[in-house]
Protein backbone atom coordinates (compact mmCIF):
# COMPACT_ATOMS: atom_id res chain seq x y z
CA MET A 1 0.08 -0.27 0.11
CA ARG A 2 2.60 2.30 0.95
CA PRO A 3 4.69 2.24 -2.24
CA ARG A 4 1.76 2.74 -4.42
CA VAL A 5 1.09 5.68 -2.42
CA LEU A 6 4.46 6.91 -2.75
CA ALA A 7 4.51 6.25 -6.43
CA GLN A 8 1.34 8.22 -6.93
CA LEU A 9 2.84 11.39 -4.86
CA ALA A 10 6.10 10.75 -7.62
CA LEU A 11 3.51 11.45 -10.52
CA ILE A 12 2.22 14.20 -9.29
CA VAL A 13 5.03 16.18 -8.17
CA SER A 14 6.34 15.58 -11.43
CA CYS A 15 3.35 16.58 -12.91
CA LEU A 16 3.49 20.07 -10.81
CA GLU A 17 7.46 19.99 -12.05
CA GLY A 18 6.48 20.11 -15.73
CA LEU A 19 3.88 22.64 -15.43
CA GLN A 20 6.22 25.19 -13.83
CA ALA A 21 8.16 24.48 -16.51
CA ALA A 22 6.17 25.41 -18.88
CA PRO A 23 5.43 28.79 -17.87
CA LEU A 24 8.83 29.70 -16.96
CA GLY A 25 10.20 29.17 -20.95
CA GLU A 26 7.33 30.83 -21.74
CA GLN A 27 8.66 33.90 -20.00
CA ALA A 28 12.02 33.65 -20.71
CA GLU A 29 11.02 33.80 -24.63
CA SER A 30 9.26 36.21 -24.23
CA ALA A 31 11.62 38.37 -22.20
CA ASP A 32 14.53 37.60 -25.23
CA SER A 33 11.55 38.88 -27.84
CA ALA A 34 11.22 42.11 -25.78
CA ALA A 35 15.24 42.53 -25.38
CA SER A 36 15.82 42.10 -29.08
CA TYR A 37 12.78 44.32 -30.16
CA THR A 38 14.00 47.04 -27.39
CA ALA A 39 17.64 47.31 -28.86
CA PRO A 40 16.43 48.62 -32.41
CA SER A 41 14.36 50.71 -31.20
CA GLN A 42 16.68 52.73 -29.23
CA GLY A 43 19.27 52.52 -32.07
CA GLY A 44 16.67 54.26 -34.62
CA LEU A 45 15.74 56.92 -32.08
CA LEU A 46 19.08 57.70 -31.74
CA GLU A 47 19.86 57.84 -35.57
CA LEU A 48 16.69 60.12 -36.17
CA LEU A 49 18.38 62.75 -33.23
CA HIS A 50 21.26 63.29 -35.01
CA GLN A 51 19.28 63.28 -38.92
CA LEU A 52 17.47 66.33 -37.11
CA GLU A 53 20.28 67.73 -35.55
CA LEU A 54 22.13 67.84 -39.03
CA LEU A 55 19.12 69.35 -40.69
CA ARG A 56 18.73 71.65 -37.91
CA ASN A 57 22.55 73.17 -38.48
CA GLN A 58 22.34 73.26 -42.34
CA LEU A 59 19.25 75.43 -42.46
CA ALA A 60 20.69 77.53 -39.78
CA SER A 61 24.08 77.51 -42.53
CA LEU A 62 21.43 78.42 -45.29
CA ASN A 63 19.61 81.00 -43.61
CA GLY A 64 22.98 82.85 -42.93
CA ARG A 65 23.65 82.40 -46.57
CA LEU A 66 20.58 84.31 -47.75
CA GLU A 67 21.32 87.06 -45.45
CA VAL A 68 24.51 87.49 -46.13
CA GLN A 69 22.69 87.44 -50.35
CA ALA A 70 20.49 89.65 -49.72
CA HIS A 71 22.95 92.56 -47.89
CA ASP A 72 25.21 92.17 -50.83
CA LEU A 73 22.06 92.47 -53.27
CA GLN A 74 21.36 95.82 -51.05
CA LEU A 75 24.80 97.09 -51.26
CA MET A 76 24.24 96.48 -55.25
CA ARG A 77 21.24 98.42 -55.62
CA GLU A 78 22.86 100.98 -52.98
CA GLN A 79 25.49 101.24 -55.71
CA GLN A 80 23.37 101.07 -58.50
CA LYS A 81 21.32 104.40 -57.29
CA LYS A 82 24.76 106.07 -56.48
CA ILE A 83 25.46 105.70 -60.32
CA TYR A 84 22.52 106.45 -61.55
CA THR A 85 22.01 109.74 -59.73
CA ASP A 86 25.65 110.45 -60.78
CA LEU A 87 24.80 110.49 -64.58
CA ASP A 88 21.13 112.11 -64.18
CA SER A 89 23.44 115.34 -62.65
CA ARG A 90 26.08 114.89 -65.07
CA LEU A 91 23.46 114.90 -67.94
CA ALA A 92 21.81 117.57 -66.13
CA VAL A 93 25.02 119.78 -66.38
CA LEU A 94 25.56 118.88 -70.22
CA GLU A 95 21.78 119.67 -70.93
CA LYS A 96 22.24 123.19 -69.28
CA LEU A 97 25.77 123.45 -71.03
CA ALA A 98 23.83 123.06 -74.43
CA ALA A 99 21.11 125.52 -73.34
CA THR A 100 23.68 127.93 -72.74
CA LEU A 101 25.88 127.18 -75.90
CA THR A 102 22.48 127.68 -78.09
CA ALA A 103 21.82 131.12 -76.85
CA GLY A 104 25.42 132.20 -76.80
CA ASN A 105 25.34 131.09 -80.75
CA ALA A 106 22.46 132.87 -81.10
CA ILE A 107 23.81 136.31 -79.71
CA GLN A 108 27.04 136.02 -81.76
CA ASN A 109 24.91 135.66 -84.99
CA ALA A 110 23.07 138.41 -84.10
CA ALA A 111 25.96 140.37 -83.74
CA PRO A 112 27.26 141.02 -87.62
CA ALA A 113 23.35 141.86 -88.40
CA ALA A 114 23.61 144.67 -85.11
CA GLU A 115 26.85 146.01 -86.46
CA GLN A 116 26.27 146.07 -90.09
CA GLY A 117 22.68 148.17 -88.98
CA ALA A 118 25.19 150.46 -87.08
CA ALA A 119 27.51 151.40 -89.72
CA SER A 120 24.59 153.14 -91.69
CA PRO A 121 22.44 154.59 -88.82
CA GLN A 122 19.37 156.62 -89.63
CA LEU A 123 18.92 159.86 -88.29
CA LEU A 124 15.81 160.05 -85.60
CA PRO A 125 13.21 162.93 -86.22
CA GLU A 126 13.77 165.95 -84.51
CA LEU A 127 12.71 166.54 -81.55
CA PRO A 128 11.72 169.81 -79.53
CA THR A 129 14.21 170.83 -76.70
CA ALA A 130 14.38 174.02 -74.49
CA GLN A 131 16.62 175.50 -77.10
CA ASN A 132 15.25 174.04 -80.16
CA GLN A 133 18.73 172.37 -81.20
CA PRO A 134 18.30 169.09 -83.46
CA GLN A 135 19.52 165.99 -81.95
CA SER A 136 22.57 164.12 -83.18
CA PRO A 137 21.76 160.56 -84.64
CA GLN A 138 21.22 157.59 -82.89
CA ALA A 139 22.80 154.35 -83.70
CA PRO A 140 20.55 151.07 -83.23
CA LEU A 141 21.90 149.13 -80.30
CA SER A 142 24.45 146.60 -80.94
CA ALA A 143 25.71 143.26 -79.42
CA SER A 144 27.65 144.81 -77.25
CA PRO A 145 28.87 142.88 -74.03
CA GLU A 146 27.19 144.96 -71.72
CA ASN A 147 23.64 143.93 -73.61
CA ILE A 148 24.46 140.27 -73.32
CA ALA A 149 25.57 140.38 -69.57
CA SER A 150 22.99 138.94 -68.32
CA ALA A 151 23.20 136.12 -70.68
CA PRO A 152 24.54 132.60 -68.95
CA SER A 153 28.20 132.04 -68.40
CA GLN A 154 29.16 129.45 -71.25
CA ALA A 155 32.77 129.20 -69.16
CA SER A 156 31.19 129.12 -65.59
CA VAL A 157 29.09 125.50 -66.65
CA VAL A 158 31.78 124.18 -68.39
CA ASP A 159 34.00 124.65 -65.68
CA GLU A 160 31.27 123.35 -62.74
CA PHE A 161 30.96 120.52 -65.19
CA GLN A 162 34.57 119.86 -65.59
CA MET A 163 35.14 120.77 -61.87
CA TYR A 164 32.90 118.10 -60.37
CA SER A 165 33.61 115.61 -62.89
CA ALA A 166 37.36 115.79 -62.00
CA ALA A 167 36.72 115.57 -58.33
CA LYS A 168 34.37 112.52 -58.63
CA ASP A 169 37.09 110.92 -61.06
CA LEU A 170 39.56 111.40 -58.03
CA PHE A 171 37.07 109.50 -55.42
CA ASP A 172 36.31 106.49 -57.98
CA ARG A 173 40.69 106.29 -58.26
CA GLY A 174 40.53 106.01 -54.66
CA GLN A 175 42.54 109.27 -54.01
CA TYR A 176 40.20 110.12 -51.02
CA GLU A 177 42.12 113.35 -49.82
CA GLU A 178 42.45 114.77 -53.36
CA ALA A 179 39.02 114.34 -54.00
CA ILE A 180 38.11 115.57 -50.99
CA ALA A 181 40.06 118.90 -51.62
CA ALA A 182 37.96 118.88 -54.64
CA PHE A 183 34.71 118.65 -54.21
CA GLN A 184 34.77 121.24 -51.04
CA LYS A 185 36.57 123.43 -54.11
CA PHE A 186 33.55 122.52 -55.89
CA VAL A 187 30.87 123.57 -53.37
CA ALA A 188 32.33 126.77 -52.52
CA SER A 189 32.40 127.74 -56.29
CA PHE A 190 29.25 126.67 -57.25
CA PRO A 191 26.83 126.47 -53.80
CA GLN A 192 23.85 126.66 -56.16
CA SER A 193 24.54 123.75 -58.39
CA SER A 194 22.40 120.72 -58.73
CA ASN A 195 25.31 118.91 -57.94
CA ALA A 196 26.63 120.91 -54.41
CA ALA A 197 24.59 118.39 -52.48
CA ALA A 198 25.92 115.07 -54.34
CA ALA A 199 29.44 116.75 -53.96
CA GLN A 200 28.86 116.98 -49.92
CA TYR A 201 27.74 113.49 -50.18
CA TRP A 202 30.88 111.86 -51.83
CA ILE A 203 33.12 114.25 -48.76
CA GLY A 204 31.02 112.31 -46.16
CA ASN A 205 31.80 109.22 -47.86
CA ALA A 206 35.91 110.07 -48.54
CA TYR A 207 35.60 110.82 -44.92
CA TYR A 208 34.60 107.19 -43.77
CA ALA A 209 36.55 105.29 -46.63
CA MET A 210 40.13 106.77 -45.53
CA LYS A 211 37.78 105.96 -41.59
CA TYR A 212 38.03 109.48 -40.32
CA TYR A 213 34.08 108.63 -38.90
CA ASP A 214 34.26 111.74 -37.32
CA GLU A 215 34.42 113.68 -40.48
CA ALA A 216 32.31 111.61 -42.24
CA ILE A 217 29.35 112.60 -39.54
CA ALA A 218 29.54 116.10 -39.46
CA ALA A 219 30.02 116.19 -43.70
CA GLN A 220 27.32 113.89 -43.99
CA LYS A 221 25.03 116.40 -41.24
CA ALA A 222 26.20 119.50 -42.94
CA LEU A 223 24.47 118.46 -46.33
CA ILE A 224 21.50 117.13 -44.45
CA SER A 225 21.41 120.67 -42.67
CA GLN A 226 21.42 122.41 -46.27
CA TYR A 227 19.51 119.93 -48.21
CA PRO A 228 17.33 118.31 -45.99
CA ASN A 229 14.86 117.36 -49.19
CA HIS A 230 17.19 115.93 -51.12
CA PRO A 231 17.73 112.43 -52.35
CA LYS A 232 20.82 112.31 -51.25
CA ALA A 233 19.73 113.17 -47.65
CA ALA A 234 18.98 109.64 -46.41
CA ASP A 235 21.99 108.05 -48.26
CA ALA A 236 23.61 110.83 -45.47
CA TRP A 237 21.76 109.80 -43.11
CA LEU A 238 22.67 105.93 -44.08
CA ASN A 239 26.61 106.80 -44.19
CA VAL A 240 26.24 108.30 -40.56
CA ALA A 241 24.71 105.09 -39.27
CA SER A 242 27.59 102.79 -41.06
CA SER A 243 30.49 105.65 -39.34
CA LEU A 244 28.37 105.15 -35.88
CA MET A 245 28.89 101.22 -36.24
CA ALA A 246 32.27 101.30 -37.00
CA GLU A 247 33.00 103.56 -33.73
CA GLY A 248 31.03 100.76 -31.99
CA LYS A 249 28.33 103.18 -31.15
CA THR A 250 25.87 100.89 -31.77
CA GLU A 251 22.57 102.05 -29.90
CA GLU A 252 23.23 105.32 -31.91
CA ALA A 253 23.58 103.56 -34.98
CA LYS A 254 19.71 101.97 -34.19
CA SER A 255 18.65 104.96 -33.43
CA THR A 256 19.89 106.43 -36.47
CA LEU A 257 18.57 103.57 -38.59
CA ARG A 258 15.20 103.90 -37.31
CA ARG A 259 15.15 107.76 -38.15
CA ILE A 260 15.63 106.61 -41.90
CA ILE A 261 12.86 104.38 -42.18
CA ALA A 262 10.76 106.62 -40.24
CA GLU A 263 11.48 109.79 -42.06
CA TYR A 264 12.61 108.26 -45.97
CA PRO A 265 10.05 105.08 -46.05
CA LEU A 266 10.17 104.88 -49.43
CA SER A 267 13.68 105.27 -50.30
CA GLU A 268 16.34 102.48 -51.03
CA ALA A 269 18.23 103.57 -47.98
CA SER A 270 15.18 102.67 -46.06
CA GLU A 271 15.26 99.51 -47.12
CA ALA A 272 18.84 99.22 -46.61
CA ALA A 273 18.04 100.35 -42.68
CA LEU A 274 15.79 98.13 -42.08
CA ALA A 275 17.92 95.14 -43.59
CA ARG A 276 20.83 96.11 -41.38
CA LEU A 277 18.71 96.39 -38.21
CA ARG A 278 17.78 92.92 -38.70
CA THR A 279 21.67 91.69 -38.57
CA LEU A 280 22.32 93.69 -35.21
CA PRO A 281 22.15 92.27 -31.48
């Protein structure tokens, strides 16, 4: 009886052991599957983060290049505007010179006819006087220097054009000291010239190119004071802002740039001022 009971107990124990072994195996297999799934998931996440960082760096680099290109484009626009303004000024002087030459030729053509009339004077009718004496004959007016004194001076117009052109050529060649002296002489000689404001502007630019920033600011402010409504006034303020930035006066430069935007909103200088403000801290 006892051996049979022991045999049955042994059979029951073996069955229990089999039942316990099965869940443990399945649990181990599930753990291995979870481990094999988790490892690739972490590696993929790190790769995605790395690619995202690369994309951010590339985007920042592209934004920087765009800002540089936009700044270069604005500089090109400013240079083009200066060239066109200078060309317009020179054309205006040439037109004025052509008109003066035409008027001078007309006066010179009229002079021989007047002199011919003077060679054979006609007696005027006798006029009554207190002594009832006849008057001497009077010759018609001739084209004398006194009669043509009011005509525009051809020489002055030619001198104005040549003096401005010579000063601008000095500036273009980088001879800034000579250009400053030439432009100052031009402004003193022709203060009413249509190119006087432009000459004052180039004086300030020449000082700026020589890194004499205080002198550049003073020259441009003189232009603004004398010609506040001239198209060069906005460009003069822009040069003032550049000089302030070169001196490290960032806050004053910002204030000047904001002034350009407020007072000259439709000018190209306003666009340049806005672009520069975006690059400043």
